[in-house]
Amino acid sequence: MTATSIVSSLVPVAILRIFIHNKTTPIVKANNYSICCLLLVSLSLCFLCTLAFIGYPEPKKCLLRQPAFGMIFAFCISCILAKTLMVVFAFLSTKPASSLKILTNPWVSYIIICICSLIQVILSITWLSLKPPFSEHNTQTKPEIISAVCNMGSPTAFWSMFGYLGFLAITSFIVAFLARGLPDSFNEAKCITFSMLSFLSVWVCFIPASLSASGKYIQLMEVFAILASSWALVICMFVPKCFIILFRPNINSMGHLMWKKRILHR
C-alpha cells in the first residue's frame, strides 16, 4: 500500500508537467490552467495522505491523519467545484448585457476555493481543539487480543468533516450534471460529472463497510477508498485531456476550433 501510494502520487506530478509544457494550447487554456495546477498538486497530496493511515497508530499519526485527509480532500473538491462554476459563469456571461461577466474573473474561482476550504479548516481546528483523536489500546472488540487503534475522539466531529466533503462533492456533481450540455469546444462538465459520480460511489460503499469492520481493517478500507477515489478523479478529469494533448494534437489547435465554430454557426 505504501508503494502504491507513493507511485500514485507521481502520476499527477507527471500530468502537471505535461500541462505546464502545453499551457499555451487551447485545451489547457479552456480548462482553467491555474486551477488545474492546484487540483493536480492536491491530488498528489491526496495519494500521499494515505501514508498516515499505514503502520502503527502512533499518537502523532492519530492526531493528524483524519484532519489532514479532510482538509486535503476539501481543497481538492473545492477546486473541482470552482472549475464547474466557472464553466457555468462563462456560458451565462456570453449573453448580451449580462451582469455576470464579473464572475468570470479568475479571482472569483480563488475566492470559492478559499471559502470552501476554510470551512473544513475551521471544522478540523475545532475538532483538534475540543476533542482530538488519540491512540489507545482496544480490548473490547476481542477481549483476548489487545489492539492498538486510533480513537476518533469525537465521532460527531469526524462525521461533520466527512459530511462536508460529501456536500461539496454532491454540489459539484449537480452543477456539473446540469452544465454537461453547454455548448463549448472543451466543456469539461461531463468529465467532472463522471469523476464526482465515481468519487461518491467509492465513499458510499466505504461507509457501510467501515461500520461492519474493526481494527486495522477499517484503516485498510479507508486507504483503499482514498486511493480509489483519487484515481477516479485523475482518470475521469485528466486522462482525456492528456490523450488529446499527446495523441491528437490536431484537435488541440486554434485551426480546429475555428473550423468547429463555423460548423456550429451553419
C-alpha atoms as a PDB file:
ATOM      1  CA  MET A   1       0.000   0.000   0.000  1.00  0.00           C
ATOM      2  CA  THR A   2       2.890   2.353   0.756  1.00  0.00           C
ATOM      3  CA  ALA A   3       4.495   1.702  -2.626  1.00  0.00           C
ATOM      4  CA  THR A   4       1.147   2.146  -4.374  1.00  0.00           C
ATOM      5  CA  SER A   5       0.550   5.470  -2.620  1.00  0.00           C
ATOM      6  CA  ILE A   6       3.994   6.851  -3.483  1.00  0.00           C
ATOM      7  CA  VAL A   7       3.888   5.719  -7.119  1.00  0.00           C
ATOM      8  CA  SER A   8       0.324   7.027  -7.499  1.00  0.00           C
ATOM      9  CA  SER A   9       1.356  10.447  -6.162  1.00  0.00           C
ATOM     10  CA  LEU A  10       3.827  10.773  -9.043  1.00  0.00           C
ATOM     11  CA  VAL A  11       1.106  10.469 -11.688  1.00  0.00           C
ATOM     12  CA  PRO A  12      -0.470  13.908 -11.009  1.00  0.00           C
ATOM     13  CA  VAL A  13       3.043  15.371 -10.973  1.00  0.00           C
ATOM     14  CA  ALA A  14       3.687  13.896 -14.432  1.00  0.00           C
ATOM     15  CA  ILE A  15       0.358  15.267 -15.704  1.00  0.00           C
ATOM     16  CA  LEU A  16       1.223  18.659 -14.203  1.00  0.00           C
ATOM     17  CA  ARG A  17       4.466  18.667 -16.185  1.00  0.00           C
ATOM     18  CA  ILE A  18       2.501  17.926 -19.371  1.00  0.00           C
ATOM     19  CA  PHE A  19       0.126  20.802 -18.628  1.00  0.00           C
ATOM     20  CA  ILE A  20       2.973  23.225 -17.916  1.00  0.00           C
ATOM     21  CA  HIS A  21       4.697  22.254 -21.159  1.00  0.00           C
ATOM     22  CA  ASN A  22       1.427  22.755 -23.123  1.00  0.00           C
ATOM     23  CA  LYS A  23      -0.066  25.688 -21.203  1.00  0.00           C
ATOM     24  CA  THR A  24      -0.462  27.791 -24.360  1.00  0.00           C
ATOM     25  CA  THR A  25      -2.647  25.210 -26.142  1.00  0.00           C
ATOM     26  CA  PRO A  26      -6.436  25.709 -26.382  1.00  0.00           C
ATOM     27  CA  ILE A  27      -7.459  22.693 -24.275  1.00  0.00           C
ATOM     28  CA  VAL A  28      -5.301  23.771 -21.333  1.00  0.00           C
ATOM     29  CA  LYS A  29      -6.416  27.401 -21.575  1.00  0.00           C
ATOM     30  CA  ALA A  30     -10.093  26.451 -21.847  1.00  0.00           C
ATOM     31  CA  ASN A  31      -9.955  24.266 -18.735  1.00  0.00           C
ATOM     32  CA  ASN A  32      -8.527  26.924 -16.414  1.00  0.00           C
ATOM     33  CA  TYR A  33      -4.799  26.249 -16.307  1.00  0.00           C
ATOM     34  CA  SER A  34      -4.138  27.703 -12.835  1.00  0.00           C
ATOM     35  CA  ILE A  35      -6.900  25.717 -11.106  1.00  0.00           C
ATOM     36  CA  CYS A  36      -5.807  22.567 -12.946  1.00  0.00           C
ATOM     37  CA  CYS A  37      -2.341  23.027 -11.462  1.00  0.00           C
ATOM     38  CA  LEU A  38      -3.790  23.460  -7.950  1.00  0.00           C
ATOM     39  CA  LEU A  39      -6.011  20.421  -8.451  1.00  0.00           C
ATOM     40  CA  LEU A  40      -3.100  18.226  -9.605  1.00  0.00           C
ATOM     41  CA  VAL A  41      -0.980  19.260  -6.607  1.00  0.00           C
ATOM     42  CA  SER A  42      -3.874  18.486  -4.256  1.00  0.00           C
ATOM     43  CA  LEU A  43      -4.417  15.090  -5.922  1.00  0.00           C
ATOM     44  CA  SER A  44      -0.767  14.231  -5.362  1.00  0.00           C
ATOM     45  CA  LEU A  45      -1.213  15.132  -1.686  1.00  0.00           C
ATOM     46  CA  CYS A  46      -4.398  13.025  -1.563  1.00  0.00           C
ATOM     47  CA  PHE A  47      -2.376   9.966  -2.552  1.00  0.00           C
ATOM     48  CA  LEU A  48       0.352  10.795  -0.039  1.00  0.00           C
ATOM     49  CA  CYS A  49      -2.059  11.351   2.879  1.00  0.00           C
ATOM     50  CA  THR A  50      -2.705   7.595   2.897  1.00  0.00           C
ATOM     51  CA  LEU A  51       0.784   7.142   4.388  1.00  0.00           C
ATOM     52  CA  ALA A  52      -0.550   8.467   7.706  1.00  0.00           C
ATOM     53  CA  PHE A  53      -3.021   5.556   7.820  1.00  0.00           C
ATOM     54  CA  ILE A  54      -0.354   2.888   7.252  1.00  0.00           C
ATOM     55  CA  GLY A  55       1.694   1.475  10.112  1.00  0.00           C
ATOM     56  CA  TYR A  56       1.480   1.526  13.883  1.00  0.00           C
ATOM     57  CA  PRO A  57      -1.094   4.055  15.207  1.00  0.00           C
ATOM     58  CA  GLU A  58       1.278   6.450  16.925  1.00  0.00           C
ATOM     59  CA  PRO A  59      -0.194   9.479  18.774  1.00  0.00           C
ATOM     60  CA  LYS A  60       1.004  11.975  16.133  1.00  0.00           C
ATOM     61  CA  LYS A  61      -0.422   9.873  13.313  1.00  0.00           C
ATOM     62  CA  CYS A  62      -3.761   9.548  15.077  1.00  0.00           C
ATOM     63  CA  LEU A  63      -3.866  13.276  15.691  1.00  0.00           C
ATOM     64  CA  LEU A  64      -3.232  14.284  12.090  1.00  0.00           C
ATOM     65  CA  ARG A  65      -4.477  11.523   9.802  1.00  0.00           C
ATOM     66  CA  GLN A  66      -8.204  12.334   9.676  1.00  0.00           C
ATOM     67  CA  PRO A  67      -7.930  16.170   9.783  1.00  0.00           C
ATOM     68  CA  ALA A  68      -5.220  16.088   7.094  1.00  0.00           C
ATOM     69  CA  PHE A  69      -7.379  13.805   4.947  1.00  0.00           C
ATOM     70  CA  GLY A  70     -10.384  16.110   5.389  1.00  0.00           C
ATOM     71  CA  MET A  71      -8.545  19.351   4.592  1.00  0.00           C
ATOM     72  CA  ILE A  72      -6.667  17.983   1.558  1.00  0.00           C
ATOM     73  CA  PHE A  73      -9.782  16.461   0.025  1.00  0.00           C
ATOM     74  CA  ALA A  74     -11.822  19.586   0.800  1.00  0.00           C
ATOM     75  CA  PHE A  75      -9.263  21.657  -1.116  1.00  0.00           C
ATOM     76  CA  CYS A  76      -9.341  19.155  -3.985  1.00  0.00           C
ATOM     77  CA  ILE A  77     -13.151  19.102  -4.280  1.00  0.00           C
ATOM     78  CA  SER A  78     -13.249  22.901  -3.859  1.00  0.00           C
ATOM     79  CA  CYS A  79     -11.011  23.218  -6.932  1.00  0.00           C
ATOM     80  CA  ILE A  80     -13.386  20.983  -8.888  1.00  0.00           C
ATOM     81  CA  LEU A  81     -16.412  22.976  -7.698  1.00  0.00           C
ATOM     82  CA  ALA A  82     -14.711  26.229  -8.715  1.00  0.00           C
ATOM     83  CA  LYS A  83     -13.930  24.802 -12.172  1.00  0.00           C
ATOM     84  CA  THR A  84     -17.553  23.716 -12.579  1.00  0.00           C
ATOM     85  CA  LEU A  85     -18.985  27.073 -11.533  1.00  0.00           C
ATOM     86  CA  MET A  86     -16.596  28.914 -13.853  1.00  0.00           C
ATOM     87  CA  VAL A  87     -17.913  26.850 -16.789  1.00  0.00           C
ATOM     88  CA  VAL A  88     -21.447  27.956 -15.925  1.00  0.00           C
ATOM     89  CA  PHE A  89     -20.455  31.595 -15.357  1.00  0.00           C
ATOM     90  CA  ALA A  90     -18.533  31.689 -18.637  1.00  0.00           C
ATOM     91  CA  PHE A  91     -21.596  30.472 -20.549  1.00  0.00           C
ATOM     92  CA  LEU A  92     -24.056  32.813 -18.826  1.00  0.00           C
ATOM     93  CA  SER A  93     -21.781  35.832 -19.292  1.00  0.00           C
ATOM     94  CA  THR A  94     -21.890  35.438 -23.094  1.00  0.00           C
ATOM     95  CA  LYS A  95     -25.463  36.726 -23.181  1.00  0.00           C
ATOM     96  CA  PRO A  96     -25.848  40.390 -24.191  1.00  0.00           C
ATOM     97  CA  ALA A  97     -25.789  42.910 -21.330  1.00  0.00           C
ATOM     98  CA  SER A  98     -25.087  40.132 -18.838  1.00  0.00           C
ATOM     99  CA  SER A  99     -24.210  41.279 -15.320  1.00  0.00           C
ATOM    100  CA  LEU A 100     -22.385  38.005 -14.665  1.00  0.00           C
ATOM    101  CA  LYS A 101     -19.237  38.939 -16.589  1.00  0.00           C
ATOM    102  CA  ILE A 102     -17.608  39.979 -13.339  1.00  0.00           C
ATOM    103  CA  LEU A 103     -17.964  36.359 -12.139  1.00  0.00           C
ATOM    104  CA  THR A 104     -15.629  35.132 -14.893  1.00  0.00           C
ATOM    105  CA  ASN A 105     -12.714  36.916 -13.235  1.00  0.00           C
ATOM    106  CA  PRO A 106     -10.066  34.353 -12.128  1.00  0.00           C
ATOM    107  CA  TRP A 107     -10.163  35.775  -8.608  1.00  0.00           C
ATOM    108  CA  VAL A 108     -13.747  34.519  -8.222  1.00  0.00           C
ATOM    109  CA  SER A 109     -12.569  30.921  -8.553  1.00  0.00           C
ATOM    110  CA  TYR A 110      -9.822  31.512  -5.983  1.00  0.00           C
ATOM    111  CA  ILE A 111     -12.355  33.022  -3.561  1.00  0.00           C
ATOM    112  CA  ILE A 112     -14.622  29.973  -3.983  1.00  0.00           C
ATOM    113  CA  ILE A 113     -11.705  27.634  -3.268  1.00  0.00           C
ATOM    114  CA  CYS A 114     -10.593  29.630  -0.215  1.00  0.00           C
ATOM    115  CA  ILE A 115     -14.089  29.848   1.318  1.00  0.00           C
ATOM    116  CA  CYS A 116     -14.927  26.164   0.778  1.00  0.00           C
ATOM    117  CA  SER A 117     -11.530  25.046   2.108  1.00  0.00           C
ATOM    118  CA  LEU A 118     -11.645  27.442   5.061  1.00  0.00           C
ATOM    119  CA  ILE A 119     -14.873  25.897   6.345  1.00  0.00           C
ATOM    120  CA  GLN A 120     -13.188  22.487   6.513  1.00  0.00           C
ATOM    121  CA  VAL A 121     -10.127  24.011   8.192  1.00  0.00           C
ATOM    122  CA  ILE A 122     -12.377  25.556  10.859  1.00  0.00           C
ATOM    123  CA  LEU A 123     -14.119  22.204  11.426  1.00  0.00           C
ATOM    124  CA  SER A 124     -10.755  20.434  11.771  1.00  0.00           C
ATOM    125  CA  ILE A 125      -9.293  23.040  14.142  1.00  0.00           C
ATOM    126  CA  THR A 126     -12.430  22.888  16.292  1.00  0.00           C
ATOM    127  CA  TRP A 127     -12.152  19.100  16.385  1.00  0.00           C
ATOM    128  CA  LEU A 128      -8.468  19.195  17.367  1.00  0.00           C
ATOM    129  CA  SER A 129      -9.088  21.874  19.993  1.00  0.00           C
ATOM    130  CA  LEU A 130     -12.070  20.333  21.760  1.00  0.00           C
ATOM    131  CA  LYS A 131     -11.732  16.556  21.479  1.00  0.00           C
ATOM    132  CA  PRO A 132      -8.823  15.447  19.250  1.00  0.00           C
ATOM    133  CA  PRO A 133      -8.155  11.876  18.084  1.00  0.00           C
ATOM    134  CA  PHE A 134      -5.751   9.824  20.201  1.00  0.00           C
ATOM    135  CA  SER A 135      -4.039   6.442  20.296  1.00  0.00           C
ATOM    136  CA  GLU A 136      -5.477   3.772  22.588  1.00  0.00           C
ATOM    137  CA  HIS A 137      -5.411   0.035  23.282  1.00  0.00           C
ATOM    138  CA  ASN A 138      -8.716  -1.621  22.479  1.00  0.00           C
ATOM    139  CA  THR A 139      -9.698  -4.761  24.408  1.00  0.00           C
ATOM    140  CA  GLN A 140     -13.453  -4.535  23.905  1.00  0.00           C
ATOM    141  CA  THR A 141     -13.757  -5.897  20.375  1.00  0.00           C
ATOM    142  CA  LYS A 142     -11.767  -9.058  21.176  1.00  0.00           C
ATOM    143  CA  PRO A 143     -11.030  -9.401  24.919  1.00  0.00           C
ATOM    144  CA  GLU A 144      -8.237 -11.925  24.297  1.00  0.00           C
ATOM    145  CA  ILE A 145      -6.396  -9.519  21.955  1.00  0.00           C
ATOM    146  CA  ILE A 146      -5.034  -6.050  22.734  1.00  0.00           C
ATOM    147  CA  SER A 147      -5.346  -3.892  19.592  1.00  0.00           C
ATOM    148  CA  ALA A 148      -3.556  -0.577  19.140  1.00  0.00           C
ATOM    149  CA  VAL A 149      -6.047   1.715  17.381  1.00  0.00           C
ATOM    150  CA  CYS A 150      -6.782   5.393  16.782  1.00  0.00           C
ATOM    151  CA  ASN A 151      -9.786   6.688  18.678  1.00  0.00           C
ATOM    152  CA  MET A 152     -11.561   9.449  16.712  1.00  0.00           C
ATOM    153  CA  GLY A 153     -12.121  11.413  19.904  1.00  0.00           C
ATOM    154  CA  SER A 154     -15.364  12.934  18.710  1.00  0.00           C
ATOM    155  CA  PRO A 155     -17.389  10.850  16.220  1.00  0.00           C
ATOM    156  CA  THR A 156     -19.622  13.903  15.688  1.00  0.00           C
ATOM    157  CA  ALA A 157     -16.640  15.965  14.532  1.00  0.00           C
ATOM    158  CA  PHE A 158     -15.468  13.186  12.208  1.00  0.00           C
ATOM    159  CA  TRP A 159     -18.853  12.770  10.550  1.00  0.00           C
ATOM    160  CA  SER A 160     -19.256  16.551  10.294  1.00  0.00           C
ATOM    161  CA  MET A 161     -15.953  16.717   8.428  1.00  0.00           C
ATOM    162  CA  PHE A 162     -16.901  13.721   6.292  1.00  0.00           C
ATOM    163  CA  GLY A 163     -20.395  15.098   5.660  1.00  0.00           C
ATOM    164  CA  TYR A 164     -18.988  18.419   4.496  1.00  0.00           C
ATOM    165  CA  LEU A 165     -16.843  16.581   1.945  1.00  0.00           C
ATOM    166  CA  GLY A 166     -19.978  14.822   0.754  1.00  0.00           C
ATOM    167  CA  PHE A 167     -21.799  18.153   0.487  1.00  0.00           C
ATOM    168  CA  LEU A 168     -19.032  19.631  -1.685  1.00  0.00           C
ATOM    169  CA  ALA A 169     -18.932  16.527  -3.899  1.00  0.00           C
ATOM    170  CA  ILE A 170     -22.728  16.402  -4.343  1.00  0.00           C
ATOM    171  CA  THR A 171     -22.855  20.125  -5.145  1.00  0.00           C
ATOM    172  CA  SER A 172     -20.091  19.710  -7.747  1.00  0.00           C
ATOM    173  CA  PHE A 173     -21.899  16.712  -9.242  1.00  0.00           C
ATOM    174  CA  ILE A 174     -25.250  18.519  -9.512  1.00  0.00           C
ATOM    175  CA  VAL A 175     -23.768  21.676 -11.056  1.00  0.00           C
ATOM    176  CA  ALA A 176     -21.636  19.662 -13.499  1.00  0.00           C
ATOM    177  CA  PHE A 177     -24.589  17.438 -14.447  1.00  0.00           C
ATOM    178  CA  LEU A 178     -26.744  20.479 -15.231  1.00  0.00           C
ATOM    179  CA  ALA A 179     -23.908  22.096 -17.219  1.00  0.00           C
ATOM    180  CA  ARG A 180     -22.923  18.991 -19.187  1.00  0.00           C
ATOM    181  CA  GLY A 181     -24.795  20.088 -22.313  1.00  0.00           C
ATOM    182  CA  LEU A 182     -23.488  23.649 -22.534  1.00  0.00           C
ATOM    183  CA  PRO A 183     -22.048  24.420 -25.986  1.00  0.00           C
ATOM    184  CA  ASP A 184     -18.269  24.592 -25.696  1.00  0.00           C
ATOM    185  CA  SER A 185     -15.435  23.009 -27.623  1.00  0.00           C
ATOM    186  CA  PHE A 186     -13.699  21.798 -24.471  1.00  0.00           C
ATOM    187  CA  ASN A 187     -16.563  21.713 -21.969  1.00  0.00           C
ATOM    188  CA  GLU A 188     -15.272  19.531 -19.102  1.00  0.00           C
ATOM    189  CA  ALA A 189     -18.614  19.371 -17.265  1.00  0.00           C
ATOM    190  CA  LYS A 190     -19.120  15.793 -18.491  1.00  0.00           C
ATOM    191  CA  CYS A 191     -15.706  14.784 -17.153  1.00  0.00           C
ATOM    192  CA  ILE A 192     -16.491  16.415 -13.806  1.00  0.00           C
ATOM    193  CA  THR A 193     -19.872  14.647 -13.689  1.00  0.00           C
ATOM    194  CA  PHE A 194     -18.273  11.220 -14.165  1.00  0.00           C
ATOM    195  CA  SER A 195     -15.448  11.997 -11.722  1.00  0.00           C
ATOM    196  CA  MET A 196     -17.856  13.114  -8.986  1.00  0.00           C
ATOM    197  CA  LEU A 197     -20.112  10.118  -9.613  1.00  0.00           C
ATOM    198  CA  SER A 198     -17.126   7.780  -9.220  1.00  0.00           C
ATOM    199  CA  PHE A 199     -15.907   9.676  -6.156  1.00  0.00           C
ATOM    200  CA  LEU A 200     -19.300   9.476  -4.435  1.00  0.00           C
ATOM    201  CA  SER A 201     -19.740   5.794  -5.356  1.00  0.00           C
ATOM    202  CA  VAL A 202     -16.453   4.871  -3.664  1.00  0.00           C
ATOM    203  CA  TRP A 203     -17.261   6.657  -0.415  1.00  0.00           C
ATOM    204  CA  VAL A 204     -20.893   5.497  -0.319  1.00  0.00           C
ATOM    205  CA  CYS A 205     -19.547   1.922  -0.448  1.00  0.00           C
ATOM    206  CA  PHE A 206     -16.933   2.724   2.211  1.00  0.00           C
ATOM    207  CA  ILE A 207     -19.403   3.896   4.882  1.00  0.00           C
ATOM    208  CA  PRO A 208     -21.326   0.603   5.428  1.00  0.00           C
ATOM    209  CA  ALA A 209     -18.122  -1.429   5.009  1.00  0.00           C
ATOM    210  CA  SER A 210     -16.297   0.595   7.689  1.00  0.00           C
ATOM    211  CA  LEU A 211     -19.190   0.290  10.138  1.00  0.00           C
ATOM    212  CA  SER A 212     -19.048  -3.514   9.919  1.00  0.00           C
ATOM    213  CA  ALA A 213     -15.240  -3.765  10.243  1.00  0.00           C
ATOM    214  CA  SER A 214     -12.854  -3.265  13.149  1.00  0.00           C
ATOM    215  CA  GLY A 215      -9.194  -2.650  13.902  1.00  0.00           C
ATOM    216  CA  LYS A 216      -6.683  -2.425  11.088  1.00  0.00           C
ATOM    217  CA  TYR A 217      -9.290  -3.417   8.514  1.00  0.00           C
ATOM    218  CA  ILE A 218     -11.023  -0.026   8.902  1.00  0.00           C
ATOM    219  CA  GLN A 219      -7.757   1.745   8.108  1.00  0.00           C
ATOM    220  CA  LEU A 220      -7.125  -0.616   5.193  1.00  0.00           C
ATOM    221  CA  MET A 221     -10.528   0.149   3.688  1.00  0.00           C
ATOM    222  CA  GLU A 222     -10.040   3.890   4.176  1.00  0.00           C
ATOM    223  CA  VAL A 223      -6.652   3.740   2.435  1.00  0.00           C
ATOM    224  CA  PHE A 224      -8.250   1.813  -0.427  1.00  0.00           C
ATOM    225  CA  ALA A 225     -11.130   4.325  -0.613  1.00  0.00           C
ATOM    226  CA  ILE A 226      -8.714   7.279  -0.706  1.00  0.00           C
ATOM    227  CA  LEU A 227      -6.625   5.673  -3.449  1.00  0.00           C
ATOM    228  CA  ALA A 228      -9.669   4.586  -5.478  1.00  0.00           C
ATOM    229  CA  SER A 229     -11.431   7.967  -5.264  1.00  0.00           C
ATOM    230  CA  SER A 230      -8.225   9.851  -6.094  1.00  0.00           C
ATOM    231  CA  TRP A 231      -7.584   7.629  -9.094  1.00  0.00           C
ATOM    232  CA  ALA A 232     -11.194   8.176 -10.213  1.00  0.00           C
ATOM    233  CA  LEU A 233     -10.598  11.939 -10.240  1.00  0.00           C
ATOM    234  CA  VAL A 234      -7.295  11.603 -12.108  1.00  0.00           C
ATOM    235  CA  ILE A 235      -8.677   9.230 -14.738  1.00  0.00           C
ATOM    236  CA  CYS A 236     -12.005  10.956 -15.377  1.00  0.00           C
ATOM    237  CA  MET A 237     -10.709  14.527 -15.376  1.00  0.00           C
ATOM    238  CA  PHE A 238      -7.200  14.395 -16.819  1.00  0.00           C
ATOM    239  CA  VAL A 239      -6.718  11.242 -18.900  1.00  0.00           C
ATOM    240  CA  PRO A 240      -8.999  12.511 -21.745  1.00  0.00           C
ATOM    241  CA  LYS A 241      -7.111  15.843 -21.824  1.00  0.00           C
ATOM    242  CA  CYS A 242      -3.710  14.137 -21.808  1.00  0.00           C
ATOM    243  CA  PHE A 243      -4.852  11.828 -24.610  1.00  0.00           C
ATOM    244  CA  ILE A 244      -5.769  14.815 -26.784  1.00  0.00           C
ATOM    245  CA  ILE A 245      -2.558  16.704 -25.914  1.00  0.00           C
ATOM    246  CA  LEU A 246      -0.256  13.730 -26.582  1.00  0.00           C
ATOM    247  CA  PHE A 247      -2.000  11.741 -29.326  1.00  0.00           C
ATOM    248  CA  ARG A 248      -4.482  14.132 -31.011  1.00  0.00           C
ATOM    249  CA  PRO A 249      -2.616  17.445 -31.315  1.00  0.00           C
ATOM    250  CA  ASN A 250      -4.637  18.294 -34.447  1.00  0.00           C
ATOM    251  CA  ILE A 251      -7.731  18.705 -32.237  1.00  0.00           C
ATOM    252  CA  ASN A 252      -5.816  20.809 -29.743  1.00  0.00           C
ATOM    253  CA  SER A 253      -5.301  23.723 -32.152  1.00  0.00           C
ATOM    254  CA  MET A 254      -6.879  27.062 -32.990  1.00  0.00           C
ATOM    255  CA  GLY A 255      -7.497  25.906 -36.553  1.00  0.00           C
ATOM    256  CA  HIS A 256      -9.679  23.043 -35.369  1.00  0.00           C
ATOM    257  CA  LEU A 257     -11.580  25.366 -33.010  1.00  0.00           C
ATOM    258  CA  MET A 258     -12.304  27.881 -35.780  1.00  0.00           C
ATOM    259  CA  TRP A 259     -13.459  25.085 -38.099  1.00  0.00           C
ATOM    260  CA  LYS A 260     -15.768  23.701 -35.399  1.00  0.00           C
ATOM    261  CA  LYS A 261     -17.256  27.138 -34.727  1.00  0.00           C
ATOM    262  CA  ARG A 262     -18.011  27.598 -38.422  1.00  0.00           C
ATOM    263  CA  ILE A 263     -19.778  24.228 -38.493  1.00  0.00           C
ATOM    264  CA  LEU A 264     -21.858  25.166 -35.424  1.00  0.00           C
ATOM    265  CA  HIS A 265     -22.881  28.517 -36.918  1.00  0.00           C
ATOM    266  CA  ARG A 266     -24.105  26.805 -40.056  1.00  0.00           C
END
